[in-house]
Amino acid sequence: MTVFGVIAITFMMTMYALEPRGRGFIVGFAVGCALSSVYGFLSGAWPFGVAEAVWAGVALRRYVVTPPGRSRPDTSAGGSRT
């Protein structure tokens, strides 16, 4: 069980660090958060599981609003001008 947790959290943090390289890493981060959430619930640390589930949802939302070819959502008031 501990090995699963270490792998899940290492994967999650690696994807987070690589997010600026592309949109696909945002999905990777969401998957890592989901895996960490599963680990939290299985290990009995349900507050950690809940927090990671929320972060997985936040990451999925960020993926949806991020245009293809970018690593961050367009937050300007007028939208993208490119």
Protein backbone atom coordinates (compact mmCIF):
# COMPACT_ATOMS: atom_id res chain seq x y z
CA MET A 1 0.00 0.00 0.00
CA THR A 2 2.80 2.42 0.86
CA VAL A 3 4.49 1.77 -2.49
CA PHE A 4 1.23 2.65 -4.27
CA GLY A 5 1.04 5.92 -2.32
CA VAL A 6 4.63 6.87 -3.10
CA ILE A 7 4.14 6.13 -6.79
CA ALA A 8 0.83 8.04 -6.93
CA ILE A 9 2.20 11.13 -5.21
CA THR A 10 5.45 11.07 -7.19
CA PHE A 11 3.48 10.84 -10.43
CA MET A 12 1.16 13.66 -9.35
CA MET A 13 4.02 16.00 -8.43
CA THR A 14 5.92 15.18 -11.64
CA MET A 15 2.86 16.00 -13.75
CA TYR A 16 2.37 19.23 -11.81
CA ALA A 17 5.97 20.25 -12.46
CA LEU A 18 5.60 19.48 -16.18
CA GLU A 19 2.27 21.31 -16.66
CA PRO A 20 3.89 24.31 -18.41
CA ARG A 21 5.04 21.95 -21.18
CA GLY A 22 1.54 21.19 -22.39
CA ARG A 23 -2.10 20.57 -21.79
CA GLY A 24 -1.70 16.79 -21.55
CA PHE A 25 0.24 17.17 -18.32
CA ILE A 26 -2.81 18.84 -16.78
CA VAL A 27 -4.72 15.60 -17.36
CA GLY A 28 -1.77 13.70 -15.93
CA PHE A 29 -1.93 15.86 -12.82
CA ALA A 30 -5.67 15.17 -12.51
CA VAL A 31 -5.02 11.42 -12.78
CA GLY A 32 -2.27 11.70 -10.17
CA CYS A 33 -4.62 13.55 -7.83
CA ALA A 34 -7.27 10.87 -8.34
CA LEU A 35 -4.75 8.12 -7.59
CA SER A 36 -3.62 9.99 -4.47
CA SER A 37 -7.26 10.34 -3.45
CA VAL A 38 -7.77 6.60 -3.77
CA TYR A 39 -4.67 6.04 -1.66
CA GLY A 40 -5.97 8.46 0.98
CA PHE A 41 -9.28 6.66 1.28
CA LEU A 42 -7.71 3.19 1.27
CA SER A 43 -5.20 4.15 3.95
CA GLY A 44 -7.89 5.62 6.19
CA ALA A 45 -6.82 9.23 5.72
CA TRP A 46 -10.18 10.32 4.33
CA PRO A 47 -9.55 14.10 4.67
CA PHE A 48 -6.54 13.67 2.37
CA GLY A 49 -8.69 11.60 0.01
CA VAL A 50 -11.33 14.33 -0.12
CA ALA A 51 -8.77 17.08 -0.69
CA GLU A 52 -7.11 15.18 -3.53
CA ALA A 53 -10.49 14.45 -5.11
CA VAL A 54 -11.21 18.18 -5.10
CA TRP A 55 -7.83 18.89 -6.70
CA ALA A 56 -8.55 16.28 -9.38
CA GLY A 57 -11.77 18.14 -10.19
CA VAL A 58 -9.96 21.49 -10.29
CA ALA A 59 -7.35 20.06 -12.65
CA LEU A 60 -9.99 18.57 -14.95
CA ARG A 61 -11.77 21.92 -15.06
CA ARG A 62 -8.48 23.64 -15.92
CA TYR A 63 -7.94 21.11 -18.71
CA VAL A 64 -11.39 21.81 -20.16
CA VAL A 65 -10.93 25.59 -20.20
CA THR A 66 -7.36 25.49 -21.52
CA PRO A 67 -7.25 25.84 -25.31
CA PRO A 68 -5.33 23.15 -27.24
CA GLY A 69 -1.70 24.11 -27.74
CA ARG A 70 -1.51 26.02 -24.47
CA SER A 71 -0.57 25.02 -20.97
CA ARG A 72 -2.66 27.60 -19.13
CA PRO A 73 -6.22 28.87 -19.61
CA ASP A 74 -6.72 32.23 -21.28
CA THR A 75 -7.62 34.57 -18.44
CA SER A 76 -7.65 37.84 -20.33
CA ALA A 77 -10.93 39.77 -20.41
CA GLY A 78 -11.17 39.83 -24.19
CA GLY A 79 -10.11 36.24 -24.80
CA SER A 80 -7.33 35.11 -27.05
CA ARG A 81 -6.21 37.44 -29.84
CA THR A 82 -3.88 35.02 -31.58
